[in-house]
Amino acid sequence: MAYQLYRNTTLGNTLQETLDELIVYGQISPTLAMRVLTQYDKCINNALANRVRARVQFKAGKLTTYRFCDNVWTLMLSDVEFKEVHELVRVEKVKIVACDAKGGASNKEGPKEKE
């Protein structure tokens, strides 16, 4: 099963709106729309796992809150710096949602800190 996190992106929202419109006009069935969304989930997860090679480093000023629920970590960071090769970007707040890439057992110990 693929994660459905990417349905909340601009691309995912646009796809869902388009499918909803096609359903309203009777051009596709709700079952077909769900099959399309399921295929989108699989493809976007696969593409991000296998095709994206860019690496970004970040340094957080402060971890303000964190939560672990249903094998998903949610981290709220403040005063964060992102660095990619020659570019540096500073932002006030960042929300990170992290899932187990393998979809296997959960890590109940929490995220590991670098020493």
N, C-alpha and C. Protein backbone atom coordinates (compact mmCIF):
# COMPACT_ATOMS: atom_id res chain seq x y z
N MET A 1 0.84 -1.19 0.00
CA MET A 1 0.00 0.00 0.00
C MET A 1 0.88 1.24 0.00
N ALA A 2 0.54 2.19 -0.83
CA ALA A 2 1.30 3.43 -0.92
C ALA A 2 0.69 4.50 -0.01
N TYR A 3 1.55 5.39 0.48
CA TYR A 3 1.07 6.49 1.30
C TYR A 3 0.22 7.44 0.47
N GLN A 4 -0.79 8.02 1.10
CA GLN A 4 -1.68 8.95 0.42
C GLN A 4 -1.33 10.40 0.75
N LEU A 5 -0.16 10.64 1.34
CA LEU A 5 0.24 11.99 1.75
C LEU A 5 0.27 12.98 0.59
N TYR A 6 0.63 12.51 -0.59
CA TYR A 6 0.86 13.41 -1.71
C TYR A 6 -0.44 13.82 -2.40
N ARG A 7 -1.58 13.33 -1.91
CA ARG A 7 -2.86 13.81 -2.42
C ARG A 7 -3.12 15.25 -1.99
N ASN A 8 -2.43 15.71 -0.95
CA ASN A 8 -2.60 17.07 -0.46
C ASN A 8 -1.65 18.06 -1.11
N THR A 9 -0.94 17.64 -2.16
CA THR A 9 -0.09 18.55 -2.91
C THR A 9 -0.94 19.25 -3.97
N THR A 10 -0.38 20.24 -4.63
CA THR A 10 -1.10 20.93 -5.70
C THR A 10 -1.52 19.94 -6.78
N LEU A 11 -0.62 19.06 -7.17
CA LEU A 11 -0.92 18.07 -8.20
C LEU A 11 -2.02 17.12 -7.74
N GLY A 12 -1.91 16.62 -6.51
CA GLY A 12 -2.91 15.70 -5.98
C GLY A 12 -4.28 16.34 -5.84
N ASN A 13 -4.33 17.57 -5.34
CA ASN A 13 -5.60 18.28 -5.20
C ASN A 13 -6.25 18.53 -6.57
N THR A 14 -5.44 18.92 -7.54
CA THR A 14 -5.96 19.17 -8.88
C THR A 14 -6.51 17.89 -9.49
N LEU A 15 -5.81 16.79 -9.30
CA LEU A 15 -6.29 15.50 -9.80
C LEU A 15 -7.63 15.14 -9.16
N GLN A 16 -7.74 15.30 -7.85
CA GLN A 16 -8.99 14.98 -7.16
C GLN A 16 -10.14 15.87 -7.62
N GLU A 17 -9.88 17.17 -7.81
CA GLU A 17 -10.92 18.08 -8.29
C GLU A 17 -11.38 17.70 -9.69
N THR A 18 -10.44 17.32 -10.54
CA THR A 18 -10.77 16.91 -11.90
C THR A 18 -11.60 15.63 -11.90
N LEU A 19 -11.20 14.67 -11.09
CA LEU A 19 -11.95 13.42 -10.99
C LEU A 19 -13.36 13.68 -10.45
N ASP A 20 -13.48 14.54 -9.45
CA ASP A 20 -14.81 14.89 -8.91
C ASP A 20 -15.69 15.50 -9.99
N GLU A 21 -15.11 16.37 -10.80
CA GLU A 21 -15.87 17.01 -11.87
C GLU A 21 -16.32 15.97 -12.90
N LEU A 22 -15.45 15.05 -13.25
CA LEU A 22 -15.81 13.99 -14.20
C LEU A 22 -16.93 13.11 -13.65
N ILE A 23 -16.91 12.85 -12.36
CA ILE A 23 -17.97 12.06 -11.73
C ILE A 23 -19.30 12.81 -11.79
N VAL A 24 -19.27 14.11 -11.46
CA VAL A 24 -20.49 14.94 -11.47
C VAL A 24 -21.13 14.96 -12.86
N TYR A 25 -20.30 15.05 -13.91
CA TYR A 25 -20.82 15.07 -15.27
C TYR A 25 -21.09 13.68 -15.84
N GLY A 26 -20.90 12.65 -15.02
CA GLY A 26 -21.22 11.29 -15.43
C GLY A 26 -20.26 10.69 -16.44
N GLN A 27 -19.05 11.25 -16.53
CA GLN A 27 -18.10 10.74 -17.51
C GLN A 27 -17.28 9.57 -16.99
N ILE A 28 -17.14 9.46 -15.67
CA ILE A 28 -16.48 8.30 -15.07
C ILE A 28 -17.25 7.90 -13.81
N SER A 29 -17.04 6.70 -13.34
CA SER A 29 -17.69 6.22 -12.12
C SER A 29 -16.80 6.54 -10.91
N PRO A 30 -17.39 6.62 -9.73
CA PRO A 30 -16.59 6.81 -8.51
C PRO A 30 -15.56 5.70 -8.31
N THR A 31 -15.89 4.50 -8.73
CA THR A 31 -14.95 3.37 -8.62
C THR A 31 -13.70 3.62 -9.47
N LEU A 32 -13.92 4.10 -10.69
CA LEU A 32 -12.78 4.40 -11.56
C LEU A 32 -11.95 5.53 -10.98
N ALA A 33 -12.59 6.54 -10.42
CA ALA A 33 -11.86 7.65 -9.80
C ALA A 33 -10.97 7.15 -8.67
N MET A 34 -11.47 6.24 -7.85
CA MET A 34 -10.66 5.68 -6.76
C MET A 34 -9.50 4.87 -7.30
N ARG A 35 -9.71 4.15 -8.39
CA ARG A 35 -8.61 3.40 -9.01
C ARG A 35 -7.53 4.34 -9.52
N VAL A 36 -7.94 5.47 -10.10
CA VAL A 36 -6.98 6.47 -10.58
C VAL A 36 -6.18 7.04 -9.41
N LEU A 37 -6.86 7.38 -8.31
CA LEU A 37 -6.16 7.93 -7.14
C LEU A 37 -5.20 6.91 -6.54
N THR A 38 -5.60 5.66 -6.50
CA THR A 38 -4.72 4.60 -5.98
C THR A 38 -3.48 4.46 -6.85
N GLN A 39 -3.66 4.53 -8.17
CA GLN A 39 -2.52 4.46 -9.09
C GLN A 39 -1.62 5.68 -8.93
N TYR A 40 -2.22 6.86 -8.73
CA TYR A 40 -1.45 8.08 -8.48
C TYR A 40 -0.59 7.91 -7.23
N ASP A 41 -1.19 7.38 -6.15
CA ASP A 41 -0.43 7.16 -4.91
C ASP A 41 0.78 6.27 -5.16
N LYS A 42 0.59 5.18 -5.87
CA LYS A 42 1.69 4.26 -6.15
C LYS A 42 2.77 4.92 -7.00
N CYS A 43 2.35 5.64 -8.04
CA CYS A 43 3.31 6.26 -8.95
C CYS A 43 4.10 7.38 -8.29
N ILE A 44 3.44 8.23 -7.53
CA ILE A 44 4.16 9.36 -6.91
C ILE A 44 5.13 8.85 -5.86
N ASN A 45 4.74 7.85 -5.08
CA ASN A 45 5.65 7.27 -4.09
C ASN A 45 6.84 6.62 -4.77
N ASN A 46 6.61 5.89 -5.85
CA ASN A 46 7.69 5.24 -6.58
C ASN A 46 8.63 6.28 -7.20
N ALA A 47 8.07 7.31 -7.80
CA ALA A 47 8.90 8.34 -8.44
C ALA A 47 9.77 9.06 -7.42
N LEU A 48 9.20 9.40 -6.27
CA LEU A 48 9.99 10.09 -5.25
C LEU A 48 11.06 9.19 -4.66
N ALA A 49 10.76 7.91 -4.55
CA ALA A 49 11.74 6.98 -3.99
C ALA A 49 12.87 6.65 -4.96
N ASN A 50 12.59 6.62 -6.27
CA ASN A 50 13.57 6.11 -7.23
C ASN A 50 14.14 7.15 -8.19
N ARG A 51 13.48 8.28 -8.37
CA ARG A 51 13.93 9.23 -9.39
C ARG A 51 14.52 10.52 -8.83
N VAL A 52 14.14 10.91 -7.65
CA VAL A 52 14.62 12.18 -7.10
C VAL A 52 16.01 11.97 -6.50
N ARG A 53 16.95 12.75 -6.97
CA ARG A 53 18.33 12.62 -6.51
C ARG A 53 18.82 13.85 -5.75
N ALA A 54 18.05 14.90 -5.73
CA ALA A 54 18.46 16.13 -5.05
C ALA A 54 18.54 15.90 -3.55
N ARG A 55 19.51 16.48 -2.93
CA ARG A 55 19.69 16.37 -1.48
C ARG A 55 19.71 17.76 -0.89
N VAL A 56 18.98 17.91 0.20
CA VAL A 56 18.92 19.18 0.91
C VAL A 56 19.27 18.92 2.36
N GLN A 57 20.13 19.77 2.91
CA GLN A 57 20.44 19.68 4.33
C GLN A 57 19.66 20.75 5.05
N PHE A 58 19.25 20.45 6.28
CA PHE A 58 18.60 21.49 7.06
C PHE A 58 19.08 21.47 8.49
N LYS A 59 19.03 22.64 9.10
CA LYS A 59 19.43 22.79 10.49
C LYS A 59 18.31 23.55 11.19
N ALA A 60 17.75 22.91 12.21
CA ALA A 60 16.64 23.52 12.95
C ALA A 60 17.17 24.28 14.16
N GLY A 61 16.61 25.44 14.37
CA GLY A 61 16.95 26.20 15.56
C GLY A 61 16.33 25.56 16.79
N LYS A 62 15.07 25.10 16.64
CA LYS A 62 14.37 24.54 17.80
C LYS A 62 13.27 23.58 17.34
N LEU A 63 13.18 22.45 18.02
CA LEU A 63 12.07 21.51 17.83
C LEU A 63 10.97 21.95 18.79
N THR A 64 9.87 22.49 18.24
CA THR A 64 8.83 23.04 19.11
C THR A 64 7.84 21.98 19.58
N THR A 65 7.41 21.09 18.69
CA THR A 65 6.52 19.99 19.09
C THR A 65 6.80 18.77 18.22
N TYR A 66 6.45 17.61 18.74
CA TYR A 66 6.55 16.39 17.95
C TYR A 66 5.44 15.44 18.38
N ARG A 67 5.08 14.54 17.45
CA ARG A 67 4.01 13.59 17.72
C ARG A 67 4.27 12.33 16.90
N PHE A 68 3.93 11.17 17.48
CA PHE A 68 4.02 9.89 16.78
C PHE A 68 2.66 9.22 16.88
N CYS A 69 2.01 9.01 15.76
CA CYS A 69 0.69 8.40 15.75
C CYS A 69 0.53 7.56 14.48
N ASP A 70 0.10 6.34 14.61
CA ASP A 70 -0.13 5.45 13.46
C ASP A 70 1.09 5.34 12.55
N ASN A 71 2.26 5.15 13.15
CA ASN A 71 3.53 4.99 12.42
C ASN A 71 3.92 6.23 11.61
N VAL A 72 3.44 7.40 12.03
CA VAL A 72 3.77 8.65 11.35
C VAL A 72 4.31 9.65 12.38
N TRP A 73 5.49 10.19 12.11
CA TRP A 73 6.07 11.24 12.94
C TRP A 73 5.69 12.58 12.36
N THR A 74 5.26 13.50 13.22
CA THR A 74 5.01 14.89 12.83
C THR A 74 5.90 15.77 13.70
N LEU A 75 6.76 16.54 13.06
CA LEU A 75 7.70 17.41 13.76
C LEU A 75 7.44 18.86 13.38
N MET A 76 7.36 19.73 14.37
CA MET A 76 7.21 21.17 14.13
C MET A 76 8.52 21.83 14.55
N LEU A 77 9.18 22.49 13.60
CA LEU A 77 10.48 23.11 13.84
C LEU A 77 10.36 24.62 13.65
N SER A 78 11.21 25.37 14.35
CA SER A 78 11.25 26.82 14.16
C SER A 78 12.68 27.25 13.87
N ASP A 79 12.80 28.39 13.18
CA ASP A 79 14.10 28.96 12.81
C ASP A 79 14.97 27.93 12.08
N VAL A 80 14.51 27.50 10.92
CA VAL A 80 15.16 26.43 10.16
C VAL A 80 15.93 27.01 8.98
N GLU A 81 17.11 26.45 8.73
CA GLU A 81 17.93 26.80 7.57
C GLU A 81 18.00 25.60 6.63
N PHE A 82 17.68 25.82 5.36
CA PHE A 82 17.80 24.79 4.34
C PHE A 82 18.96 25.15 3.44
N LYS A 83 19.79 24.14 3.11
CA LYS A 83 20.95 24.39 2.26
C LYS A 83 21.01 23.34 1.16
N GLU A 84 21.10 23.83 -0.08
CA GLU A 84 21.29 22.96 -1.23
C GLU A 84 22.46 23.49 -2.04
N VAL A 85 23.54 22.79 -2.05
CA VAL A 85 24.78 23.15 -2.72
C VAL A 85 25.17 24.60 -2.39
N HIS A 86 24.75 25.58 -3.22
CA HIS A 86 25.18 26.97 -3.02
C HIS A 86 24.06 27.88 -2.54
N GLU A 87 22.90 27.35 -2.27
CA GLU A 87 21.76 28.19 -1.89
C GLU A 87 21.37 27.93 -0.44
N LEU A 88 21.10 29.01 0.29
CA LEU A 88 20.68 28.93 1.69
C LEU A 88 19.37 29.67 1.87
N VAL A 89 18.39 29.00 2.48
CA VAL A 89 17.08 29.60 2.72
C VAL A 89 16.75 29.45 4.19
N ARG A 90 16.29 30.55 4.81
CA ARG A 90 15.88 30.53 6.21
C ARG A 90 14.37 30.72 6.30
N VAL A 91 13.71 29.89 7.15
CA VAL A 91 12.27 30.02 7.35
C VAL A 91 11.96 29.99 8.84
N GLU A 92 10.83 30.61 9.21
CA GLU A 92 10.45 30.68 10.62
C GLU A 92 9.93 29.35 11.14
N LYS A 93 9.02 28.71 10.38
CA LYS A 93 8.40 27.48 10.86
C LYS A 93 8.34 26.44 9.75
N VAL A 94 8.53 25.16 10.14
CA VAL A 94 8.45 24.06 9.20
C VAL A 94 7.73 22.90 9.88
N LYS A 95 6.87 22.24 9.12
CA LYS A 95 6.20 21.02 9.59
C LYS A 95 6.72 19.87 8.75
N ILE A 96 7.25 18.85 9.41
CA ILE A 96 7.75 17.66 8.72
C ILE A 96 6.88 16.49 9.10
N VAL A 97 6.38 15.77 8.08
CA VAL A 97 5.62 14.55 8.30
C VAL A 97 6.46 13.42 7.72
N ALA A 98 6.83 12.46 8.56
CA ALA A 98 7.73 11.38 8.14
C ALA A 98 7.09 10.02 8.39
N CYS A 99 7.14 9.17 7.37
CA CYS A 99 6.59 7.81 7.45
C CYS A 99 7.70 6.81 7.17
N ASP A 100 7.52 5.60 7.63
CA ASP A 100 8.46 4.53 7.36
C ASP A 100 8.44 4.23 5.86
N ALA A 101 9.56 4.38 5.20
CA ALA A 101 9.63 4.20 3.75
C ALA A 101 9.32 2.77 3.33
N LYS A 102 9.58 1.82 4.17
CA LYS A 102 9.34 0.42 3.84
C LYS A 102 7.92 -0.01 4.16
N GLY A 103 7.20 0.77 4.98
CA GLY A 103 5.85 0.40 5.36
C GLY A 103 5.82 -0.75 6.34
N GLY A 104 6.95 -1.02 6.97
CA GLY A 104 7.06 -2.15 7.88
C GLY A 104 6.83 -1.76 9.32
N ALA A 105 7.63 -2.33 10.22
CA ALA A 105 7.46 -2.11 11.66
C ALA A 105 7.74 -0.67 12.03
N SER A 106 7.07 -0.22 13.07
CA SER A 106 7.24 1.16 13.51
C SER A 106 8.47 1.30 14.39
N ASN A 107 8.97 2.53 14.45
CA ASN A 107 10.11 2.86 15.30
C ASN A 107 9.57 3.62 16.50
N LYS A 108 9.30 2.94 17.58
CA LYS A 108 8.68 3.57 18.74
C LYS A 108 9.68 4.35 19.58
N GLU A 109 10.96 4.25 19.27
CA GLU A 109 11.96 4.97 20.04
C GLU A 109 12.02 6.45 19.67
N GLY A 110 11.56 6.80 18.50
CA GLY A 110 11.61 8.19 18.08
C GLY A 110 12.75 8.44 17.14
N PRO A 111 12.81 9.64 16.58
CA PRO A 111 13.89 9.96 15.65
C PRO A 111 15.24 10.00 16.36
N LYS A 112 16.26 9.54 15.68
CA LYS A 112 17.60 9.52 16.25
C LYS A 112 18.28 10.87 16.03
N GLU A 113 19.00 11.32 17.03
CA GLU A 113 19.75 12.57 16.92
C GLU A 113 21.18 12.24 16.48
N LYS A 114 21.76 13.13 15.70
CA LYS A 114 23.17 12.98 15.32
C LYS A 114 24.03 13.36 16.50
N GLU A 115 25.08 12.62 16.70
CA GLU A 115 25.99 12.94 17.81
C GLU A 115 27.24 13.59 17.30
